[in-house]
Amino acid sequence: MEEPLHQSTALVQGLVENMTVMKQDMKTVKQNMDAMKQKLQTVRRRNKIAHQFLSERLNIFNIFPKKVSHFEAKGKWEMNVGWR
């Protein structure tokens, strides 16, 4: 009768230890996720800035906007960029 009680106590102790380890692992996972969220925000912010910059730069090369004839557009191209 004594042996099964001892086994169950050891089993419960093992379970408690496993739970503690799992709790620590979950904390680590949460920290990693938070760090990844921060990195993602940084990347999104940089992409937004890069997109703005590029769209401003590429706007110069928009030589055929709507309602502008070919010749007007060509003149606009020469004005903005020039033939270097």
C-alpha atoms as a PDB file:
ATOM      1  CA  MET A   1       0.000   0.000   0.000  1.00  0.00           C
ATOM      2  CA  GLU A   2       2.916   2.320   0.697  1.00  0.00           C
ATOM      3  CA  GLU A   3       4.511   1.850  -2.743  1.00  0.00           C
ATOM      4  CA  PRO A   4       1.679   3.240  -4.942  1.00  0.00           C
ATOM      5  CA  LEU A   5       1.382   6.325  -2.693  1.00  0.00           C
ATOM      6  CA  HIS A   6       5.091   7.005  -3.105  1.00  0.00           C
ATOM      7  CA  GLN A   7       4.767   6.558  -6.884  1.00  0.00           C
ATOM      8  CA  SER A   8       1.821   8.926  -7.128  1.00  0.00           C
ATOM      9  CA  THR A   9       3.663  11.542  -5.030  1.00  0.00           C
ATOM     10  CA  ALA A  10       6.659  11.287  -7.371  1.00  0.00           C
ATOM     11  CA  LEU A  11       4.310  11.506 -10.353  1.00  0.00           C
ATOM     12  CA  VAL A  12       2.633  14.638  -9.003  1.00  0.00           C
ATOM     13  CA  GLN A  13       6.035  16.163  -8.254  1.00  0.00           C
ATOM     14  CA  GLY A  14       7.142  15.427 -11.829  1.00  0.00           C
ATOM     15  CA  LEU A  15       3.978  16.996 -13.179  1.00  0.00           C
ATOM     16  CA  VAL A  16       4.514  20.129 -11.085  1.00  0.00           C
ATOM     17  CA  GLU A  17       8.104  20.405 -12.349  1.00  0.00           C
ATOM     18  CA  ASN A  18       6.934  19.965 -15.941  1.00  0.00           C
ATOM     19  CA  MET A  19       4.271  22.630 -15.442  1.00  0.00           C
ATOM     20  CA  THR A  20       6.893  25.028 -14.052  1.00  0.00           C
ATOM     21  CA  VAL A  21       9.165  24.413 -17.044  1.00  0.00           C
ATOM     22  CA  MET A  22       6.231  24.889 -19.429  1.00  0.00           C
ATOM     23  CA  LYS A  23       5.338  28.147 -17.708  1.00  0.00           C
ATOM     24  CA  GLN A  24       8.892  29.420 -18.203  1.00  0.00           C
ATOM     25  CA  ASP A  25       8.836  28.275 -21.835  1.00  0.00           C
ATOM     26  CA  MET A  26       5.579  30.152 -22.391  1.00  0.00           C
ATOM     27  CA  LYS A  27       7.147  33.300 -20.922  1.00  0.00           C
ATOM     28  CA  THR A  28      10.046  32.924 -23.350  1.00  0.00           C
ATOM     29  CA  VAL A  29       7.644  32.397 -26.258  1.00  0.00           C
ATOM     30  CA  LYS A  30       5.710  35.515 -25.263  1.00  0.00           C
ATOM     31  CA  GLN A  31       8.920  37.572 -25.059  1.00  0.00           C
ATOM     32  CA  ASN A  32       9.986  36.299 -28.485  1.00  0.00           C
ATOM     33  CA  MET A  33       6.584  37.168 -29.926  1.00  0.00           C
ATOM     34  CA  ASP A  34       6.753  40.668 -28.449  1.00  0.00           C
ATOM     35  CA  ALA A  35      10.235  41.135 -29.933  1.00  0.00           C
ATOM     36  CA  MET A  36       8.968  39.939 -33.325  1.00  0.00           C
ATOM     37  CA  LYS A  37       6.021  42.345 -33.127  1.00  0.00           C
ATOM     38  CA  GLN A  38       8.472  45.202 -32.483  1.00  0.00           C
ATOM     39  CA  LYS A  39      10.598  44.152 -35.467  1.00  0.00           C
ATOM     40  CA  LEU A  40       7.506  43.891 -37.650  1.00  0.00           C
ATOM     41  CA  GLN A  41       6.418  47.405 -36.643  1.00  0.00           C
ATOM     42  CA  THR A  42       9.902  48.707 -37.480  1.00  0.00           C
ATOM     43  CA  VAL A  43       9.848  46.982 -40.873  1.00  0.00           C
ATOM     44  CA  ARG A  44       6.368  48.329 -41.624  1.00  0.00           C
ATOM     45  CA  ARG A  45       7.459  51.844 -40.643  1.00  0.00           C
ATOM     46  CA  ARG A  46      10.566  51.593 -42.868  1.00  0.00           C
ATOM     47  CA  ASN A  47       8.495  50.222 -45.756  1.00  0.00           C
ATOM     48  CA  LYS A  48       6.055  53.094 -45.398  1.00  0.00           C
ATOM     49  CA  ILE A  49       8.892  55.645 -45.494  1.00  0.00           C
ATOM     50  CA  ALA A  50      10.534  53.885 -48.455  1.00  0.00           C
ATOM     51  CA  HIS A  51       7.198  53.719 -50.278  1.00  0.00           C
ATOM     52  CA  GLN A  52       6.609  57.448 -49.757  1.00  0.00           C
ATOM     53  CA  PHE A  53      10.134  58.265 -50.934  1.00  0.00           C
ATOM     54  CA  LEU A  54       9.876  56.054 -54.008  1.00  0.00           C
ATOM     55  CA  SER A  55       6.407  57.243 -54.953  1.00  0.00           C
ATOM     56  CA  GLU A  56       7.640  60.857 -54.766  1.00  0.00           C
ATOM     57  CA  ARG A  57      10.718  59.987 -56.856  1.00  0.00           C
ATOM     58  CA  LEU A  58       8.790  57.878 -59.370  1.00  0.00           C
ATOM     59  CA  ASN A  59       6.194  60.616 -59.742  1.00  0.00           C
ATOM     60  CA  ILE A  60       8.859  62.527 -61.691  1.00  0.00           C
ATOM     61  CA  PHE A  61       8.943  59.725 -64.257  1.00  0.00           C
ATOM     62  CA  ASN A  62       5.192  59.714 -64.765  1.00  0.00           C
ATOM     63  CA  ILE A  63       5.550  61.151 -68.248  1.00  0.00           C
ATOM     64  CA  PHE A  64       2.126  60.186 -69.551  1.00  0.00           C
ATOM     65  CA  PRO A  65      -0.411  61.279 -66.940  1.00  0.00           C
ATOM     66  CA  LYS A  66      -4.093  61.325 -67.857  1.00  0.00           C
ATOM     67  CA  LYS A  67      -5.364  64.123 -70.098  1.00  0.00           C
ATOM     68  CA  VAL A  68      -1.897  65.197 -71.260  1.00  0.00           C
ATOM     69  CA  SER A  69      -0.851  64.866 -74.873  1.00  0.00           C
ATOM     70  CA  HIS A  70       2.351  63.092 -75.865  1.00  0.00           C
ATOM     71  CA  PHE A  71       4.158  66.346 -76.722  1.00  0.00           C
ATOM     72  CA  GLU A  72       3.211  68.093 -73.493  1.00  0.00           C
ATOM     73  CA  ALA A  73       4.346  65.054 -71.578  1.00  0.00           C
ATOM     74  CA  LYS A  74       7.653  64.977 -73.481  1.00  0.00           C
ATOM     75  CA  GLY A  75       8.248  68.631 -72.597  1.00  0.00           C
ATOM     76  CA  LYS A  76       7.415  67.879 -68.969  1.00  0.00           C
ATOM     77  CA  TRP A  77       9.922  64.986 -69.019  1.00  0.00           C
ATOM     78  CA  GLU A  78      12.693  67.260 -70.342  1.00  0.00           C
ATOM     79  CA  MET A  79      11.850  69.905 -67.772  1.00  0.00           C
ATOM     80  CA  ASN A  80      11.875  67.528 -64.787  1.00  0.00           C
ATOM     81  CA  VAL A  81      14.723  65.191 -65.682  1.00  0.00           C
ATOM     82  CA  GLY A  82      16.582  66.596 -68.632  1.00  0.00           C
ATOM     83  CA  TRP A  83      18.653  64.575 -71.032  1.00  0.00           C
ATOM     84  CA  ARG A  84      21.917  64.012 -69.212  1.00  0.00           C
END
